């Protein structure tokens, strides 16, 4: 018992010494509260309400197409108190944001452009995604083609086949393109690019001057293919009323149709490349001459080396033309037996007036001139390609084309 008493006494003594030390520290180092402390000054007066507040737009349609800051906003209570912030947007500030273009052409700025000038601009600004002929690259959107495909299982929706208004094309290009550098195109460049897109869809000629007056007059093929959304009047009442939960149909209920599983496996067998015979290697080419070989005549056997080079050049033509077994007309006519063929003679293909009335035949000399400068050779041709810049490419391509004329 004595040990416990000693421990208790020692603990009490220790706590007492600690309290004495704390009091002495506070007495020496902590200042007393002042007798006349400095009081906090009055807050500044609130900002007075403007004498003539700017009116607030009562509805969103009060400002057409733009986004502006409200000059004053009610705080929602019955007293009608206002924050007193901001001011009315100036007309030039609204115009900087208001880029809307209506279907009738309202909102189009003054400017002009044609497809002939637009080709080079399109090639520089748009072709990396949409292709040199507006027919798309990879999964990027196609802007041309797709005519009469809207009823197909896999329709191609392009400016020519699907879009309703030319003003929508202009507005979208000017507002959102090119990708990653939106609104960098000038007004004239936008008119020229839209003209090239319309020309690529055979809607206008390459020299048609597109401007704020003529653009609304260009009617797209599918302008009448859209209907007004009348579901609010025709459908909403059918599924927004009180639902029926029992005895909803008079008479017996029976299954009338069943879901089916679609077999998407191709019917035609796909050949295994490993089991097919490799293509024969071309014969060894003769040593090249000191000067470029002239374009081969229609009756000359084409040089295999030139044919191989020409096949690579033909990749620039594949977007519009086909050649070989099963070749069909596309944007341009099929090119089988083109060398020596009468100009504008493919049955069923719709040539331009200039090409249809040209006359003559596609000999090596005429082909060479046309491939180097299509529009200069046949003024008014619908062919959008600007031409081959290298004479060697022209010679090689003619050799490749002539290999399908034998």
Protein backbone atom coordinates (compact mmCIF):
# COMPACT_ATOMS: atom_id res chain seq x y z
CA UNK A 1 0.00 0.00 0.00
CA UNK A 2 2.89 2.34 0.75
CA UNK A 3 4.30 1.86 -2.76
CA UNK A 4 1.02 2.92 -4.35
CA UNK A 5 0.82 5.97 -2.11
CA UNK A 6 4.33 7.02 -3.03
CA UNK A 7 3.54 6.67 -6.75
CA UNK A 8 0.40 8.76 -6.41
CA UNK A 9 2.19 11.54 -4.49
CA UNK A 10 4.97 11.65 -7.07
CA UNK A 11 2.50 12.01 -9.95
CA UNK A 12 0.67 14.88 -8.25
CA UNK A 13 3.95 16.68 -7.57
CA UNK A 14 5.03 16.33 -11.19
CA UNK A 15 1.78 17.77 -12.53
CA UNK A 16 2.04 20.71 -10.12
CA UNK A 17 5.57 21.56 -11.24
CA UNK A 18 4.42 21.45 -14.91
CA UNK A 19 1.58 23.91 -14.25
CA UNK A 20 3.93 26.34 -12.41
CA UNK A 21 6.37 26.27 -15.36
CA UNK A 22 3.58 26.92 -17.87
CA UNK A 23 2.29 29.90 -15.88
CA UNK A 24 5.75 31.47 -15.66
CA UNK A 25 6.24 31.06 -19.46
CA UNK A 26 2.91 32.67 -20.24
CA UNK A 27 3.50 35.53 -17.83
CA UNK A 28 6.77 36.46 -19.50
CA UNK A 29 6.02 35.87 -23.22
CA UNK A 30 2.29 36.51 -23.89
CA UNK A 31 1.16 40.17 -24.14
CA UNK A 32 -1.91 41.42 -22.36
CA UNK A 33 -5.08 42.27 -24.34
CA UNK A 34 -4.96 46.02 -25.15
CA UNK A 35 -7.32 48.31 -23.31
CA UNK A 36 -8.43 50.15 -26.52
CA UNK A 37 -8.17 47.63 -29.40
CA UNK A 38 -8.42 48.86 -33.03
CA UNK A 39 -11.86 48.10 -34.45
CA UNK A 40 -12.62 46.93 -38.04
CA UNK A 41 -13.63 49.84 -40.28
CA UNK A 42 -16.97 50.03 -42.08
CA UNK A 43 -17.42 48.15 -45.32
CA UNK A 44 -17.53 50.25 -48.51
CA UNK A 45 -20.95 51.26 -49.77
CA UNK A 46 -22.51 48.88 -52.34
CA UNK A 47 -22.33 49.75 -56.02
CA UNK A 48 -25.43 51.82 -56.83
CA UNK A 49 -27.94 50.53 -59.35
CA UNK A 50 -27.44 52.15 -62.80
CA UNK A 51 -29.88 54.92 -63.50
CA UNK A 52 -30.81 53.53 -66.93
CA UNK A 53 -30.31 49.75 -66.87
CA UNK A 54 -29.96 47.97 -70.19
CA UNK A 55 -32.97 45.85 -71.07
CA UNK A 56 -32.56 42.11 -70.98
CA UNK A 57 -33.65 40.02 -73.98
CA UNK A 58 -36.93 38.38 -73.04
CA UNK A 59 -36.39 35.28 -75.18
CA UNK A 60 -33.47 33.52 -76.93
CA UNK A 61 -34.82 34.46 -80.37
CA UNK A 62 -34.32 38.14 -79.55
CA UNK A 63 -30.72 37.72 -80.72
CA UNK A 64 -30.52 35.73 -83.94
CA UNK A 65 -27.89 33.03 -83.88
CA UNK A 66 -25.40 34.71 -81.55
CA UNK A 67 -24.45 34.26 -77.91
CA UNK A 68 -24.28 37.45 -75.89
CA UNK A 69 -23.90 38.21 -72.20
CA UNK A 70 -26.99 39.51 -70.43
CA UNK A 71 -26.50 43.04 -69.23
CA UNK A 72 -28.45 42.50 -66.01
CA UNK A 73 -30.04 39.42 -64.53
CA UNK A 74 -32.87 39.14 -62.05
CA UNK A 75 -32.02 37.13 -58.97
CA UNK A 76 -35.37 35.41 -59.08
CA UNK A 77 -37.03 36.87 -56.02
CA UNK A 78 -40.23 38.89 -55.96
CA UNK A 79 -38.46 42.16 -55.14
CA UNK A 80 -36.83 42.28 -58.58
CA UNK A 81 -33.33 43.01 -57.21
CA UNK A 82 -30.57 43.14 -59.87
CA UNK A 83 -26.88 42.39 -59.76
CA UNK A 84 -25.88 45.40 -61.84
CA UNK A 85 -23.27 43.52 -63.90
CA UNK A 86 -22.29 43.78 -67.57
CA UNK A 87 -23.67 45.85 -70.43
CA UNK A 88 -25.53 45.38 -73.67
CA UNK A 89 -23.60 43.69 -76.49
CA UNK A 90 -22.64 46.03 -79.32
CA UNK A 91 -23.79 45.20 -82.87
CA UNK A 92 -20.22 44.55 -84.02
CA UNK A 93 -19.70 42.16 -81.09
CA UNK A 94 -22.82 40.21 -82.02
CA UNK A 95 -21.72 40.11 -85.66
CA UNK A 96 -18.40 38.54 -84.67
CA UNK A 97 -20.23 35.54 -83.19
CA UNK A 98 -23.28 35.42 -85.43
CA UNK A 99 -22.08 33.25 -88.35
CA UNK A 100 -25.39 31.57 -89.16
CA UNK A 101 -26.39 31.14 -92.80
CA UNK A 102 -30.03 30.39 -93.57
CA UNK A 103 -31.27 28.08 -96.35
CA UNK A 104 -32.39 31.08 -98.39
CA UNK A 105 -28.86 32.53 -98.29
CA UNK A 106 -29.46 35.08 -95.53
CA UNK A 107 -26.17 35.60 -93.74
CA UNK A 108 -23.89 34.79 -96.67
CA UNK A 109 -21.04 37.33 -96.84
CA UNK A 110 -19.96 38.99 -100.07
CA UNK A 111 -17.38 36.98 -101.98
CA UNK A 112 -16.94 34.60 -104.92
CA UNK A 113 -15.09 31.55 -106.18
CA UNK A 114 -15.28 28.80 -108.80
CA UNK A 115 -14.34 25.14 -108.99
CA UNK A 116 -11.37 25.80 -111.26
CA UNK A 117 -9.70 27.89 -108.54
CA UNK A 118 -11.13 25.74 -105.76
CA UNK A 119 -9.33 22.58 -106.90
CA UNK A 120 -5.92 23.82 -105.78
CA UNK A 121 -7.32 25.15 -102.48
CA UNK A 122 -9.19 21.88 -101.86
CA UNK A 123 -6.03 19.90 -102.61
CA UNK A 124 -4.06 21.94 -100.07
CA UNK A 125 -6.66 22.28 -97.31
CA UNK A 126 -9.06 19.32 -97.65
CA UNK A 127 -7.61 16.47 -99.75
CA UNK A 128 -5.61 14.94 -96.89
CA UNK A 129 -8.93 13.77 -95.37
CA UNK A 130 -11.45 13.97 -98.21
CA UNK A 131 -9.27 12.86 -101.14
CA UNK A 132 -8.20 14.67 -104.28
CA UNK A 133 -11.62 14.13 -105.86
CA UNK A 134 -13.69 14.64 -102.69
CA UNK A 135 -14.24 10.87 -102.53
CA UNK A 136 -12.74 10.39 -99.07
CA UNK A 137 -9.56 8.87 -97.65
CA UNK A 138 -9.91 5.81 -95.44
CA UNK A 139 -12.75 6.38 -92.98
CA UNK A 140 -12.89 10.14 -93.53
CA UNK A 141 -16.18 11.35 -95.05
CA UNK A 142 -16.82 11.15 -98.77
CA UNK A 143 -18.17 14.41 -100.18
CA UNK A 144 -18.91 13.28 -103.74
CA UNK A 145 -20.70 10.34 -105.31
CA UNK A 146 -23.40 8.12 -103.86
CA UNK A 147 -26.09 9.21 -106.30
CA UNK A 148 -29.27 7.09 -106.13
CA UNK A 149 -27.97 5.03 -103.16
CA UNK A 150 -30.23 6.35 -100.40
CA UNK A 151 -32.62 3.42 -100.82
CA UNK A 152 -29.79 0.87 -100.64
CA UNK A 153 -28.97 -1.17 -97.55
CA UNK A 154 -25.69 0.74 -97.25
CA UNK A 155 -26.38 4.24 -98.65
CA UNK A 156 -23.56 6.67 -99.35
CA UNK A 157 -24.58 10.03 -97.95
CA UNK A 158 -22.57 12.82 -99.57
CA UNK A 159 -23.15 16.48 -100.41
CA UNK A 160 -24.44 15.43 -103.82
CA UNK A 161 -26.58 12.48 -102.77
CA UNK A 162 -27.98 13.52 -99.40
CA UNK A 163 -27.48 17.13 -98.24
CA UNK A 164 -30.51 19.42 -98.73
CA UNK A 165 -29.06 22.96 -98.93
CA UNK A 166 -25.95 24.53 -100.44
CA UNK A 167 -26.02 27.11 -97.64
CA UNK A 168 -25.40 24.29 -95.15
CA UNK A 169 -22.30 23.26 -97.07
CA UNK A 170 -20.95 26.81 -97.09
CA UNK A 171 -21.75 27.39 -93.42
CA UNK A 172 -20.12 24.14 -92.28
CA UNK A 173 -16.95 24.61 -94.34
CA UNK A 174 -16.52 28.22 -93.23
CA UNK A 175 -17.33 27.53 -89.57
CA UNK A 176 -15.61 24.18 -88.92
CA UNK A 177 -13.02 23.44 -91.60
CA UNK A 178 -10.24 22.58 -92.11
CA UNK A 179 -10.02 20.06 -89.30
CA UNK A 180 -7.80 21.39 -86.53
CA UNK A 181 -7.67 24.91 -87.99
CA UNK A 182 -11.33 25.94 -88.10
CA UNK A 183 -12.35 29.39 -89.39
CA UNK A 184 -8.97 29.96 -91.04
CA UNK A 185 -10.43 30.01 -94.58
CA UNK A 186 -11.21 33.32 -96.21
CA UNK A 187 -14.69 33.99 -97.59
CA UNK A 188 -13.48 33.67 -101.20
CA UNK A 189 -11.63 30.41 -100.44
CA UNK A 190 -14.79 29.02 -98.88
CA UNK A 191 -16.82 29.85 -101.99
CA UNK A 192 -14.14 28.21 -104.18
CA UNK A 193 -14.01 25.03 -102.06
CA UNK A 194 -17.81 24.70 -102.04
CA UNK A 195 -17.82 25.24 -105.80
CA UNK A 196 -15.29 22.42 -106.21
CA UNK A 197 -17.40 20.09 -104.05
CA UNK A 198 -20.49 20.89 -106.13
CA UNK A 199 -18.50 20.44 -109.34
CA UNK A 200 -17.22 17.04 -108.10
CA UNK A 201 -20.87 16.01 -107.78
CA UNK A 202 -21.67 17.16 -111.36
CA UNK A 203 -23.97 19.88 -110.03
CA UNK A 204 -22.21 22.93 -111.53
CA UNK A 205 -19.56 23.54 -114.19
CA UNK A 206 -15.98 24.31 -113.23
CA UNK A 207 -16.30 27.94 -114.36
CA UNK A 208 -19.59 28.62 -112.56
CA UNK A 209 -19.09 31.68 -110.34
CA UNK A 210 -20.39 30.92 -106.86
CA UNK A 211 -21.20 33.96 -104.70
CA UNK A 212 -23.72 35.22 -102.16
CA UNK A 213 -26.34 35.62 -104.91
CA UNK A 214 -25.80 32.47 -107.01
CA UNK A 215 -25.19 29.97 -104.19
CA UNK A 216 -28.82 29.92 -102.92
CA UNK A 217 -29.99 29.35 -106.50
CA UNK A 218 -28.08 26.04 -106.75
CA UNK A 219 -30.54 23.29 -105.81
CA UNK A 220 -29.07 20.04 -104.53
CA UNK A 221 -30.50 16.75 -105.87
CA UNK A 222 -31.95 15.69 -102.51
CA UNK A 223 -33.46 19.06 -101.56
CA UNK A 224 -36.96 17.53 -101.61
CA UNK A 225 -35.92 14.36 -99.80
CA UNK A 226 -36.63 15.69 -96.31
CA UNK A 227 -39.95 16.00 -94.46
CA UNK A 228 -41.10 18.15 -91.57
CA UNK A 229 -40.90 16.38 -88.22
CA UNK A 230 -44.58 16.07 -87.31
CA UNK A 231 -44.23 13.43 -84.60
CA UNK A 232 -45.55 15.83 -81.98
CA UNK A 233 -48.89 15.78 -83.77
CA UNK A 234 -48.94 12.25 -85.20
CA UNK A 235 -47.17 10.03 -82.66
CA UNK A 236 -46.69 11.59 -79.24
CA UNK A 237 -50.31 11.04 -78.19
CA UNK A 238 -49.93 7.29 -78.79
CA UNK A 239 -47.20 6.74 -76.22
CA UNK A 240 -47.53 9.71 -73.87
CA UNK A 241 -50.99 8.75 -72.63
CA UNK A 242 -51.70 6.49 -69.66
CA UNK A 243 -50.34 3.05 -70.61
CA UNK A 244 -52.61 0.02 -70.77
CA UNK A 245 -51.47 -2.73 -68.39
CA UNK A 246 -54.06 -5.49 -68.90
CA UNK A 247 -56.73 -6.63 -71.36
CA UNK A 248 -55.33 -4.23 -73.94
CA UNK A 249 -56.29 -6.21 -77.03
CA UNK A 250 -59.62 -7.68 -78.01
CA UNK A 251 -59.50 -11.25 -79.20
CA UNK A 252 -56.77 -13.88 -78.96
CA UNK A 253 -53.07 -12.97 -78.82
CA UNK A 254 -50.78 -14.99 -81.07
CA UNK A 255 -47.26 -14.82 -82.43
CA UNK A 256 -47.31 -13.70 -86.05
CA UNK A 257 -43.59 -13.22 -86.79
CA UNK A 258 -40.30 -14.55 -85.48
CA UNK A 259 -36.82 -13.04 -85.43
CA UNK A 260 -34.31 -14.62 -87.76
CA UNK A 261 -30.54 -14.89 -87.58
CA UNK A 262 -28.86 -13.34 -90.63
CA UNK A 263 -26.07 -15.38 -92.18
CA UNK A 264 -23.37 -12.86 -93.09
CA UNK A 265 -20.86 -15.44 -94.32
CA UNK A 266 -20.03 -14.76 -98.01
CA UNK A 267 -21.48 -17.33 -100.37
CA UNK A 268 -18.44 -17.24 -102.63
CA UNK A 269 -15.34 -18.98 -101.33
CA UNK A 270 -12.34 -16.72 -100.75
CA UNK A 271 -9.14 -18.01 -102.24
CA UNK A 272 -6.25 -18.54 -99.87
CA UNK A 273 -3.29 -16.48 -101.10
CA UNK A 274 -0.94 -19.23 -99.89
CA UNK A 275 -2.53 -21.79 -102.25
CA UNK A 276 -2.63 -19.63 -105.34
CA UNK A 277 0.20 -19.60 -107.83
CA UNK A 278 2.34 -16.50 -107.65
CA UNK A 279 2.12 -14.11 -110.55
CA UNK A 280 4.85 -14.66 -113.11
CA UNK A 281 7.78 -12.30 -112.83
CA UNK A 282 8.03 -9.77 -115.65
CA UNK A 283 10.68 -10.34 -118.24
CA UNK A 284 13.98 -8.59 -117.78
CA UNK A 285 13.75 -5.07 -119.11
CA UNK A 286 16.16 -3.76 -121.68
CA UNK A 287 18.69 -1.17 -120.66
CA UNK A 288 17.15 2.31 -120.69
CA UNK A 289 18.02 4.54 -123.58
CA UNK A 290 19.87 7.78 -123.09
CA UNK A 291 16.69 9.77 -123.83
CA UNK A 292 13.10 9.04 -122.63
CA UNK A 293 11.26 6.69 -124.92
CA UNK A 294 8.43 8.26 -126.93
CA UNK A 295 4.82 7.40 -126.10
CA UNK A 296 4.04 3.95 -127.55
CA UNK A 297 1.69 3.69 -130.49
CA UNK A 298 -1.53 1.72 -130.18
CA UNK A 299 -0.12 -1.23 -132.14
CA UNK A 300 3.27 -1.39 -130.35
CA UNK A 301 3.82 -4.06 -127.70
CA UNK A 302 4.19 -2.11 -124.43
CA UNK A 303 7.45 -2.28 -122.52
CA UNK A 304 6.83 -4.40 -119.34
CA UNK A 305 8.92 -2.04 -117.26
CA UNK A 306 6.93 0.96 -118.46
CA UNK A 307 3.70 -0.95 -117.87
CA UNK A 308 4.72 -1.63 -114.26
CA UNK A 309 5.57 2.04 -113.75
CA UNK A 310 2.32 3.08 -115.40
CA UNK A 311 0.30 0.84 -113.08
CA UNK A 312 1.59 2.89 -110.15
CA UNK A 313 0.69 6.13 -111.91
CA UNK A 314 -2.81 4.74 -112.55
CA UNK A 315 -3.43 4.86 -108.79
CA UNK A 316 -4.16 8.55 -109.36
CA UNK A 317 -6.95 7.57 -111.77
CA UNK A 318 -8.64 4.77 -109.79
CA UNK A 319 -10.98 7.13 -107.98
CA UNK A 320 -12.85 7.76 -111.25
CA UNK A 321 -11.86 5.07 -113.76
CA UNK A 322 -11.68 1.27 -113.93
CA UNK A 323 -9.70 -0.89 -116.32
CA UNK A 324 -9.31 -4.63 -116.84
CA UNK A 325 -11.72 -7.55 -116.51
CA UNK A 326 -15.16 -6.47 -115.32
CA UNK A 327 -14.34 -2.75 -115.58
CA UNK A 328 -17.40 -0.51 -115.34
CA UNK A 329 -18.13 3.17 -115.78
CA UNK A 330 -17.81 5.20 -112.60
CA UNK A 331 -17.33 8.96 -112.35
CA UNK A 332 -15.37 8.54 -115.58
CA UNK A 333 -15.76 5.89 -118.31
CA UNK A 334 -14.01 2.49 -118.21
CA UNK A 335 -10.68 2.62 -120.02
CA UNK A 336 -10.35 -0.79 -121.68
CA UNK A 337 -8.99 -0.39 -125.24
CA UNK A 338 -8.75 3.39 -124.71
CA UNK A 339 -5.66 3.69 -126.89
CA UNK A 340 -6.95 3.97 -130.45
CA UNK A 341 -10.59 4.26 -129.38
CA UNK A 342 -12.87 6.95 -130.72
CA UNK A 343 -13.16 9.88 -128.31
CA UNK A 344 -16.42 9.94 -126.35
CA UNK A 345 -17.58 6.56 -127.66
CA UNK A 346 -18.35 4.46 -124.55
CA UNK A 347 -22.01 3.47 -124.80
CA UNK A 348 -24.18 4.64 -121.93
CA UNK A 349 -21.66 7.03 -120.40
CA UNK A 350 -22.74 10.67 -120.10
CA UNK A 351 -19.87 12.77 -121.45
CA UNK A 352 -19.55 16.50 -121.16
CA UNK A 353 -20.61 18.49 -124.21
CA UNK A 354 -17.00 19.37 -124.91
CA UNK A 355 -15.83 15.74 -124.86
CA UNK A 356 -18.82 14.44 -126.77
CA UNK A 357 -18.28 16.87 -129.64
CA UNK A 358 -14.48 16.67 -129.79
CA UNK A 359 -14.18 13.92 -132.42
CA UNK A 360 -11.09 11.98 -133.39
CA UNK A 361 -9.50 9.08 -131.54
CA UNK A 362 -7.32 8.60 -128.49
CA UNK A 363 -3.96 8.10 -130.16
CA UNK A 364 -0.74 8.36 -128.15
CA UNK A 365 -0.22 12.03 -129.00
CA UNK A 366 -3.77 13.09 -128.06
CA UNK A 367 -3.67 11.04 -124.86
CA UNK A 368 -0.32 12.55 -123.86
CA UNK A 369 -1.63 16.09 -124.30
CA UNK A 370 -4.86 15.35 -122.42
CA UNK A 371 -3.15 13.57 -119.49
CA UNK A 372 -0.73 16.46 -119.06
CA UNK A 373 -3.41 19.18 -119.17
CA UNK A 374 -7.00 17.87 -119.34
CA UNK A 375 -8.75 21.22 -119.11
CA UNK A 376 -6.38 22.92 -121.50
CA UNK A 377 -6.77 20.18 -124.08
CA UNK A 378 -10.56 19.78 -123.82
CA UNK A 379 -12.04 23.06 -122.65
CA UNK A 380 -15.11 22.32 -120.57
CA UNK A 381 -14.30 18.70 -119.67
CA UNK A 382 -15.82 17.37 -116.45
CA UNK A 383 -12.57 15.62 -115.55
CA UNK A 384 -11.43 17.17 -112.27
CA UNK A 385 -7.84 15.88 -112.36
CA UNK A 386 -5.34 18.71 -112.85
CA UNK A 387 -2.94 16.63 -114.98
CA UNK A 388 0.36 14.75 -114.71
CA UNK A 389 3.35 17.02 -114.23
CA UNK A 390 6.09 14.60 -115.33
CA UNK A 391 6.49 13.50 -118.94
CA UNK A 392 7.81 10.15 -117.72
CA UNK A 393 4.53 9.54 -115.85
CA UNK A 394 2.54 10.36 -118.99
CA UNK A 395 4.60 7.91 -121.06
CA UNK A 396 4.32 5.17 -118.42
CA UNK A 397 0.56 5.62 -118.02
CA UNK A 398 -0.04 5.40 -121.77
CA UNK A 399 2.02 2.20 -121.85
CA UNK A 400 -0.12 0.76 -119.05
CA UNK A 401 -3.35 1.76 -120.79
CA UNK A 402 -2.16 0.29 -124.08
CA UNK A 403 -1.55 -3.06 -122.37
CA UNK A 404 -5.34 -3.39 -122.13
CA UNK A 405 -5.76 -2.64 -125.83
CA UNK A 406 -4.09 -5.78 -127.17
